Amino acid sequence: MTNPIDILYDTNILDERMRKRISGYYLHRGTKALEIVDQNRVKRYRDFFVVVGETGEYIVEGDYCSCENFLRRGSICAHVLAVYIARATGRYELVDLWYYQDLKEQCVKPI
């Protein structure tokens, strides 16, 4: 079976048929990745992508994710899949900052 993400990069169409292919190929991780994209939880910063997860924000760069699941298993997680889907379809929030700048701004509170 052809990897549905490769097909998605060629077509850029996330219709019901493609959703079923992604869920069938990646199972739970694919379904979760689609939910992340549908909920607009993928952000593209100047330096890398960030996925807003259930318990925090995860840095995704290429095939790497900072989530515990990826670090433990060392294989693709739902966050990486969500970034693949978001990139192929253009469904991500563009943040015109470096990620560390955004964190710094969130931490600095006026007195």
Protein backbone atom coordinates (compact mmCIF):
# COMPACT_ATOMS: atom_id res chain seq x y z
CA MET A 1 0.00 0.00 0.00
CA THR A 2 1.30 3.44 -0.95
CA ASN A 3 1.87 5.86 1.90
CA PRO A 4 -1.15 8.20 1.85
CA ILE A 5 0.96 11.17 2.95
CA ASP A 6 2.96 10.90 -0.28
CA ILE A 7 -0.30 10.97 -2.24
CA LEU A 8 -1.54 13.93 -0.19
CA TYR A 9 1.61 15.92 -1.04
CA ASP A 10 0.87 15.31 -4.73
CA THR A 11 -2.86 16.13 -4.62
CA ASN A 12 -3.16 18.56 -1.67
CA ILE A 13 -6.73 17.31 -1.25
CA LEU A 14 -7.87 16.14 2.17
CA ASP A 15 -11.25 14.70 1.31
CA GLU A 16 -13.13 11.87 3.05
CA ARG A 17 -11.41 9.24 0.92
CA MET A 18 -7.95 10.54 1.88
CA ARG A 19 -8.96 10.72 5.55
CA LYS A 20 -9.93 7.04 5.45
CA ARG A 21 -6.63 6.15 3.77
CA ILE A 22 -4.64 8.01 6.44
CA SER A 23 -6.64 6.44 9.30
CA GLY A 24 -6.37 2.99 7.75
CA TYR A 25 -2.63 3.24 7.14
CA TYR A 26 -1.59 4.88 10.44
CA LEU A 27 -4.50 3.65 12.61
CA HIS A 28 -4.93 5.58 15.89
CA ARG A 29 -2.00 7.92 15.14
CA GLY A 30 -3.56 8.86 11.80
CA THR A 31 -6.96 9.54 13.33
CA LYS A 32 -5.38 11.65 16.07
CA ALA A 33 -3.28 13.58 13.51
CA LEU A 34 -6.42 14.41 11.52
CA GLU A 35 -8.11 15.66 14.70
CA ILE A 36 -5.11 17.90 15.43
CA VAL A 37 -5.30 19.43 11.94
CA ASP A 38 -9.09 19.81 12.13
CA GLN A 39 -8.73 21.64 15.46
CA ASN A 40 -6.12 24.04 13.96
CA ARG A 41 -3.44 23.05 16.48
CA VAL A 42 -0.47 23.16 14.07
CA LYS A 43 1.66 26.33 14.07
CA ARG A 44 4.50 27.18 11.74
CA TYR A 45 7.13 29.38 13.33
CA ARG A 46 10.18 30.77 11.54
CA ASP A 47 12.37 27.95 12.88
CA PHE A 48 10.05 24.91 12.98
CA PHE A 49 6.52 23.62 13.45
CA VAL A 50 4.84 23.39 16.84
CA VAL A 51 1.84 21.22 17.60
CA VAL A 52 -0.39 22.14 20.51
CA GLY A 53 -0.99 18.84 22.23
CA GLU A 54 -3.22 17.80 25.08
CA THR A 55 -0.56 18.41 27.74
CA GLY A 56 1.77 20.92 26.10
CA GLU A 57 3.36 22.16 22.92
CA TYR A 58 5.62 19.85 20.92
CA ILE A 59 8.36 20.89 18.55
CA VAL A 60 8.30 19.04 15.25
CA GLU A 61 11.24 19.29 12.90
CA GLY A 62 11.36 16.89 9.98
CA ASP A 63 10.72 13.38 11.33
CA TYR A 64 11.48 14.42 14.94
CA CYS A 65 9.02 15.34 17.69
CA SER A 66 9.73 16.40 21.26
CA CYS A 67 6.77 14.45 22.69
CA GLU A 68 7.32 11.63 25.16
CA ASN A 69 5.77 9.05 22.84
CA PHE A 70 8.25 9.81 20.05
CA LEU A 71 11.22 9.97 22.42
CA ARG A 72 10.29 6.60 23.94
CA ARG A 73 9.44 4.73 20.76
CA GLY A 74 11.59 6.60 18.28
CA SER A 75 9.00 6.21 15.54
CA ILE A 76 6.50 8.52 13.90
CA CYS A 77 3.87 10.03 16.20
CA ALA A 78 0.56 11.81 15.63
CA HIS A 79 2.24 15.21 15.94
CA VAL A 80 4.66 14.52 13.08
CA LEU A 81 1.79 13.15 10.98
CA ALA A 82 -0.28 16.25 11.74
CA VAL A 83 2.54 18.46 10.48
CA TYR A 84 2.83 16.39 7.30
CA ILE A 85 -0.91 16.77 6.70
CA ALA A 86 -0.90 20.48 7.56
CA ARG A 87 2.04 21.18 5.24
CA ALA A 88 0.48 19.27 2.36
CA THR A 89 -2.84 21.09 2.70
CA GLY A 90 -1.66 24.50 3.96
CA ARG A 91 -3.74 24.10 7.12
CA TYR A 92 -1.52 25.63 9.77
CA GLU A 93 -1.23 28.92 11.62
CA LEU A 94 1.71 31.02 10.49
CA VAL A 95 3.49 32.68 13.41
CA ASP A 96 6.04 35.27 12.27
CA LEU A 97 8.35 34.73 15.24
CA TRP A 98 11.12 32.44 16.30
CA TYR A 99 9.63 29.94 18.73
CA TYR A 100 11.86 31.05 21.61
CA GLN A 101 10.67 34.66 21.08
CA ASP A 102 7.06 33.61 21.47
CA LEU A 103 7.89 31.68 24.66
CA LYS A 104 9.75 34.68 26.04
CA GLU A 105 6.82 36.98 25.32
CA GLN A 106 4.41 34.57 27.01
CA CYS A 107 6.60 34.46 30.12
CA VAL A 108 7.10 38.23 30.47
CA LYS A 109 4.14 39.70 32.29
CA PRO A 110 3.82 43.43 33.06
CA ILE A 111 3.81 44.35 36.74
